[in-house]
PDB file of N, CA and C in Angstrom:
ATOM      1  N   UNK A   1    -182.424  34.762  13.214  1.00  0.00           N
ATOM      2  CA  UNK A   1    -182.772  33.331  13.466  1.00  0.00           C
ATOM      3  C   UNK A   1    -183.174  32.282  12.453  1.00  0.00           C
ATOM      4  N   UNK A   2    -182.365  31.378  11.741  1.00  0.00           N
ATOM      5  CA  UNK A   2    -182.394  30.465  10.861  1.00  0.00           C
ATOM      6  C   UNK A   2    -183.676  29.513  11.301  1.00  0.00           C
ATOM      7  N   UNK A   3    -184.346  29.272  10.325  1.00  0.00           N
ATOM      8  CA  UNK A   3    -185.577  28.195  10.741  1.00  0.00           C
ATOM      9  C   UNK A   3    -185.165  26.911   9.911  1.00  0.00           C
ATOM     10  N   UNK A   4    -185.943  26.048  10.457  1.00  0.00           N
ATOM     11  CA  UNK A   4    -185.551  24.737   9.951  1.00  0.00           C
ATOM     12  C   UNK A   4    -186.254  24.437   8.618  1.00  0.00           C
ATOM     13  N   UNK A   5    -185.915  23.741   7.864  1.00  0.00           N
ATOM     14  CA  UNK A   5    -186.541  23.229   6.320  1.00  0.00           C
ATOM     15  C   UNK A   5    -188.046  23.367   6.349  1.00  0.00           C
ATOM     16  N   UNK A   6    -188.624  22.633   7.474  1.00  0.00           N
ATOM     17  CA  UNK A   6    -190.074  22.280   7.559  1.00  0.00           C
ATOM     18  C   UNK A   6    -190.798  23.252   8.553  1.00  0.00           C
ATOM     19  N   UNK A   7    -190.029  24.267   9.011  1.00  0.00           N
ATOM     20  CA  UNK A   7    -190.828  24.922   9.998  1.00  0.00           C
ATOM     21  C   UNK A   7    -192.277  25.649   9.382  1.00  0.00           C
ATOM     22  N   UNK A   8    -192.179  26.324   8.359  1.00  0.00           N
ATOM     23  CA  UNK A   8    -193.259  26.956   7.649  1.00  0.00           C
ATOM     24  C   UNK A   8    -194.547  25.702   7.494  1.00  0.00           C
ATOM     25  N   UNK A   9    -194.308  24.584   6.886  1.00  0.00           N
ATOM     26  CA  UNK A   9    -195.106  23.469   6.835  1.00  0.00           C
ATOM     27  C   UNK A   9    -195.848  22.862   8.051  1.00  0.00           C
ATOM     28  N   UNK A  10    -194.951  22.746   9.219  1.00  0.00           N
ATOM     29  CA  UNK A  10    -195.442  22.428  10.699  1.00  0.00           C
ATOM     30  C   UNK A  10    -196.326  23.517  11.151  1.00  0.00           C
ATOM     31  N   UNK A  11    -195.763  24.915  10.910  1.00  0.00           N
ATOM     32  CA  UNK A  11    -196.942  26.012  11.357  1.00  0.00           C
ATOM     33  C   UNK A  11    -198.266  25.993  10.813  1.00  0.00           C
ATOM     34  N   UNK A  12    -198.290  25.774   9.475  1.00  0.00           N
ATOM     35  CA  UNK A  12    -199.590  25.609   8.607  1.00  0.00           C
ATOM     36  C   UNK A  12    -200.348  24.646   9.290  1.00  0.00           C
ATOM     37  N   UNK A  13    -199.622  23.242   9.247  1.00  0.00           N
ATOM     38  CA  UNK A  13    -200.424  22.017   9.818  1.00  0.00           C
ATOM     39  C   UNK A  13    -201.025  22.417  11.252  1.00  0.00           C
ATOM     40  N   UNK A  14    -200.356  22.878  12.085  1.00  0.00           N
ATOM     41  CA  UNK A  14    -200.807  23.558  13.391  1.00  0.00           C
ATOM     42  C   UNK A  14    -201.940  24.501  13.229  1.00  0.00           C
ATOM     43  N   UNK A  15    -201.874  25.234  12.372  1.00  0.00           N
ATOM     44  CA  UNK A  15    -202.804  26.392  12.299  1.00  0.00           C
ATOM     45  C   UNK A  15    -204.119  25.773  11.627  1.00  0.00           C
ATOM     46  N   UNK A  16    -203.916  24.828  10.612  1.00  0.00           N
ATOM     47  CA  UNK A  16    -205.154  24.110   9.860  1.00  0.00           C
ATOM     48  C   UNK A  16    -205.790  23.126  10.783  1.00  0.00           C
ATOM     49  N   UNK A  17    -205.130  22.696  12.101  1.00  0.00           N
ATOM     50  CA  UNK A  17    -205.643  21.727  13.136  1.00  0.00           C
ATOM     51  C   UNK A  17    -206.409  22.664  14.279  1.00  0.00           C
ATOM     52  N   UNK A  18    -206.476  24.054  14.244  1.00  0.00           N
ATOM     53  CA  UNK A  18    -206.937  24.738  15.118  1.00  0.00           C
ATOM     54  C   UNK A  18    -206.035  25.580  16.159  1.00  0.00           C
ATOM     55  N   UNK A  19    -204.843  25.318  16.012  1.00  0.00           N
ATOM     56  CA  UNK A  19    -204.095  25.842  17.155  1.00  0.00           C
ATOM     57  C   UNK A  19    -203.693  27.400  16.567  1.00  0.00           C
ATOM     58  N   UNK A  20    -203.558  28.341  17.691  1.00  0.00           N
ATOM     59  CA  UNK A  20    -203.361  29.602  17.282  1.00  0.00           C
ATOM     60  C   UNK A  20    -201.708  29.882  17.730  1.00  0.00           C
ATOM     61  N   UNK A  21    -200.847  30.319  16.718  1.00  0.00           N
ATOM     62  CA  UNK A  21    -199.257  30.468  16.934  1.00  0.00           C
ATOM     63  C   UNK A  21    -199.263  31.544  17.831  1.00  0.00           C
ATOM     64  N   UNK A  22    -198.728  31.792  18.980  1.00  0.00           N
ATOM     65  CA  UNK A  22    -198.479  32.768  19.760  1.00  0.00           C
ATOM     66  C   UNK A  22    -197.204  33.326  19.944  1.00  0.00           C
ATOM     67  N   UNK A  23    -196.157  32.475  19.747  1.00  0.00           N
ATOM     68  CA  UNK A  23    -194.847  32.767  19.338  1.00  0.00           C
ATOM     69  C   UNK A  23    -194.122  32.088  18.620  1.00  0.00           C
ATOM     70  N   UNK A  24    -193.353  32.767  17.781  1.00  0.00           N
ATOM     71  CA  UNK A  24    -192.697  32.334  16.495  1.00  0.00           C
ATOM     72  C   UNK A  24    -191.004  33.071  16.433  1.00  0.00           C
ATOM     73  N   UNK A  25    -190.126  32.724  17.193  1.00  0.00           N
ATOM     74  CA  UNK A  25    -189.874  31.520  17.901  1.00  0.00           C
ATOM     75  C   UNK A  25    -190.468  31.932  19.576  1.00  0.00           C
ATOM     76  N   UNK A  26    -190.515  30.826  20.108  1.00  0.00           N
ATOM     77  CA  UNK A  26    -190.917  31.155  21.710  1.00  0.00           C
ATOM     78  C   UNK A  26    -189.552  31.040  22.556  1.00  0.00           C
ATOM     79  N   UNK A  27    -189.362  32.074  23.446  1.00  0.00           N
ATOM     80  CA  UNK A  27    -188.125  31.972  24.227  1.00  0.00           C
ATOM     81  C   UNK A  27    -188.284  31.594  25.392  1.00  0.00           C
ATOM     82  N   UNK A  28    -187.479  30.816  25.926  1.00  0.00           N
ATOM     83  CA  UNK A  28    -187.338  30.056  27.124  1.00  0.00           C
ATOM     84  C   UNK A  28    -186.166  29.871  28.033  1.00  0.00           C
ATOM     85  N   UNK A  29    -186.339  30.507  29.420  1.00  0.00           N
ATOM     86  CA  UNK A  29    -185.011  30.705  30.129  1.00  0.00           C
ATOM     87  C   UNK A  29    -185.102  29.588  31.288  1.00  0.00           C
ATOM     88  N   UNK A  30    -184.012  29.089  31.349  1.00  0.00           N
ATOM     89  CA  UNK A  30    -184.141  27.996  32.671  1.00  0.00           C
ATOM     90  C   UNK A  30    -182.812  28.371  33.395  1.00  0.00           C
ATOM     91  N   UNK A  31    -182.941  29.071  34.451  1.00  0.00           N
ATOM     92  CA  UNK A  31    -181.899  29.387  35.343  1.00  0.00           C
ATOM     93  C   UNK A  31    -181.342  30.672  34.646  1.00  0.00           C
ATOM     94  N   UNK A  32    -180.023  30.309  34.558  1.00  0.00           N
ATOM     95  CA  UNK A  32    -179.146  31.280  33.660  1.00  0.00           C
ATOM     96  C   UNK A  32    -178.969  31.066  31.983  1.00  0.00           C
ATOM     97  N   UNK A  33    -179.520  30.065  31.695  1.00  0.00           N
ATOM     98  CA  UNK A  33    -179.650  29.709  30.132  1.00  0.00           C
ATOM     99  C   UNK A  33    -180.733  30.110  29.730  1.00  0.00           C
ATOM    100  N   UNK A  34    -180.603  30.470  28.251  1.00  0.00           N
ATOM    101  CA  UNK A  34    -181.615  31.147  27.364  1.00  0.00           C
ATOM    102  C   UNK A  34    -181.657  30.211  26.381  1.00  0.00           C
ATOM    103  N   UNK A  35    -182.683  29.949  25.772  1.00  0.00           N
ATOM    104  CA  UNK A  35    -182.916  29.344  24.131  1.00  0.00           C
ATOM    105  C   UNK A  35    -184.292  29.527  23.625  1.00  0.00           C
ATOM    106  N   UNK A  36    -184.348  28.920  22.418  1.00  0.00           N
ATOM    107  CA  UNK A  36    -185.673  29.319  21.772  1.00  0.00           C
ATOM    108  C   UNK A  36    -186.110  27.847  21.469  1.00  0.00           C
ATOM    109  N   UNK A  37    -187.509  27.777  21.353  1.00  0.00           N
ATOM    110  CA  UNK A  37    -188.302  26.880  20.846  1.00  0.00           C
ATOM    111  C   UNK A  37    -189.001  27.332  19.638  1.00  0.00           C
ATOM    112  N   UNK A  38    -189.096  26.512  18.363  1.00  0.00           N
ATOM    113  CA  UNK A  38    -189.277  27.164  17.378  1.00  0.00           C
ATOM    114  C   UNK A  38    -190.879  27.767  17.264  1.00  0.00           C
ATOM    115  N   UNK A  39    -191.869  27.279  18.021  1.00  0.00           N
ATOM    116  CA  UNK A  39    -193.240  27.788  17.753  1.00  0.00           C
ATOM    117  C   UNK A  39    -193.708  27.706  19.357  1.00  0.00           C
ATOM    118  N   UNK A  40    -194.669  28.326  19.832  1.00  0.00           N
ATOM    119  CA  UNK A  40    -195.434  28.291  20.758  1.00  0.00           C
ATOM    120  C   UNK A  40    -196.788  28.584  20.401  1.00  0.00           C
ATOM    121  N   UNK A  41    -197.757  27.532  20.730  1.00  0.00           N
ATOM    122  CA  UNK A  41    -199.203  27.668  20.269  1.00  0.00           C
ATOM    123  C   UNK A  41    -200.088  27.174  21.528  1.00  0.00           C
ATOM    124  N   UNK A  42    -201.245  27.637  21.295  1.00  0.00           N
ATOM    125  CA  UNK A  42    -202.436  27.219  22.144  1.00  0.00           C
ATOM    126  C   UNK A  42    -203.523  27.152  21.403  1.00  0.00           C
ATOM    127  N   UNK A  43    -204.687  26.127  22.240  1.00  0.00           N
ATOM    128  CA  UNK A  43    -205.836  26.368  21.641  1.00  0.00           C
ATOM    129  C   UNK A  43    -207.046  26.038  22.933  1.00  0.00           C
ATOM    130  N   UNK A  44    -207.914  26.514  22.929  1.00  0.00           N
ATOM    131  CA  UNK A  44    -209.058  26.554  24.113  1.00  0.00           C
ATOM    132  C   UNK A  44    -209.840  25.381  23.466  1.00  0.00           C
ATOM    133  N   UNK A  45    -209.991  24.304  24.255  1.00  0.00           N
ATOM    134  CA  UNK A  45    -211.100  23.313  24.188  1.00  0.00           C
ATOM    135  C   UNK A  45    -211.886  23.301  25.341  1.00  0.00           C
ATOM    136  N   UNK A  46    -213.248  23.694  25.330  1.00  0.00           N
ATOM    137  CA  UNK A  46    -214.142  23.805  26.407  1.00  0.00           C
ATOM    138  C   UNK A  46    -213.995  22.531  27.240  1.00  0.00           C
ATOM    139  N   UNK A  47    -214.146  21.281  26.619  1.00  0.00           N
ATOM    140  CA  UNK A  47    -214.103  20.202  27.581  1.00  0.00           C
ATOM    141  C   UNK A  47    -212.808  20.139  28.259  1.00  0.00           C
ATOM    142  N   UNK A  48    -211.591  20.627  27.842  1.00  0.00           N
ATOM    143  CA  UNK A  48    -210.253  20.071  28.410  1.00  0.00           C
ATOM    144  C   UNK A  48    -209.683  21.293  29.243  1.00  0.00           C
ATOM    145  N   UNK A  49    -210.401  22.689  28.992  1.00  0.00           N
ATOM    146  CA  UNK A  49    -209.716  23.725  29.321  1.00  0.00           C
ATOM    147  C   UNK A  49    -208.719  24.211  28.534  1.00  0.00           C
ATOM    148  N   UNK A  50    -207.549  24.893  28.781  1.00  0.00           N
ATOM    149  CA  UNK A  50    -206.515  25.562  28.071  1.00  0.00           C
ATOM    150  C   UNK A  50    -205.675  24.656  27.985  1.00  0.00           C
ATOM    151  N   UNK A  51    -205.319  24.540  26.861  1.00  0.00           N
ATOM    152  CA  UNK A  51    -204.036  23.607  26.363  1.00  0.00           C
ATOM    153  C   UNK A  51    -203.065  24.205  25.703  1.00  0.00           C
ATOM    154  N   UNK A  52    -201.585  23.921  26.064  1.00  0.00           N
ATOM    155  CA  UNK A  52    -200.295  24.700  25.325  1.00  0.00           C
ATOM    156  C   UNK A  52    -199.321  23.759  25.162  1.00  0.00           C
ATOM    157  N   UNK A  53    -198.676  23.974  24.134  1.00  0.00           N
ATOM    158  CA  UNK A  53    -197.681  23.324  23.578  1.00  0.00           C
ATOM    159  C   UNK A  53    -196.500  24.254  23.180  1.00  0.00           C
ATOM    160  N   UNK A  54    -195.112  23.469  23.157  1.00  0.00           N
ATOM    161  CA  UNK A  54    -194.253  24.018  22.568  1.00  0.00           C
ATOM    162  C   UNK A  54    -193.599  23.474  21.442  1.00  0.00           C
ATOM    163  N   UNK A  55    -193.357  23.480  20.416  1.00  0.00           N
ATOM    164  CA  UNK A  55    -192.950  22.690  19.089  1.00  0.00           C
ATOM    165  C   UNK A  55    -191.465  22.822  18.819  1.00  0.00           C
ATOM    166  N   UNK A  56    -190.456  21.928  18.645  1.00  0.00           N
ATOM    167  CA  UNK A  56    -189.258  22.189  18.376  1.00  0.00           C
ATOM    168  C   UNK A  56    -189.175  21.267  17.029  1.00  0.00           C
ATOM    169  N   UNK A  57    -188.779  21.971  16.009  1.00  0.00           N
ATOM    170  CA  UNK A  57    -188.546  21.455  14.562  1.00  0.00           C
ATOM    171  C   UNK A  57    -187.141  21.376  14.338  1.00  0.00           C
ATOM    172  N   UNK A  58    -186.821  20.068  13.596  1.00  0.00           N
ATOM    173  CA  UNK A  58    -185.640  19.553  13.282  1.00  0.00           C
ATOM    174  C   UNK A  58    -185.542  18.847  12.167  1.00  0.00           C
ATOM    175  N   UNK A  59    -184.973  19.074  11.122  1.00  0.00           N
ATOM    176  CA  UNK A  59    -184.680  18.321   9.843  1.00  0.00           C
ATOM    177  C   UNK A  59    -183.198  17.923   9.869  1.00  0.00           C
ATOM    178  N   UNK A  60    -182.804  16.621   9.375  1.00  0.00           N
ATOM    179  CA  UNK A  60    -181.509  16.134   9.141  1.00  0.00           C
ATOM    180  C   UNK A  60    -181.067  15.771   7.710  1.00  0.00           C
TER     181      UNK A  60
END
């Protein structure tokens, strides 16, 4: 799977901010449709509980 131009820079920025990359790429299934989001990450913040994000990276 080809990665966008800024994929690695975004990944490194998330990691520097304390996010742990859990999927690269993140597979998503909606009904019969399948796709991929560029990165899946999560961070544990005691006062907020467990936060999760999915990041789609595009360059034009």
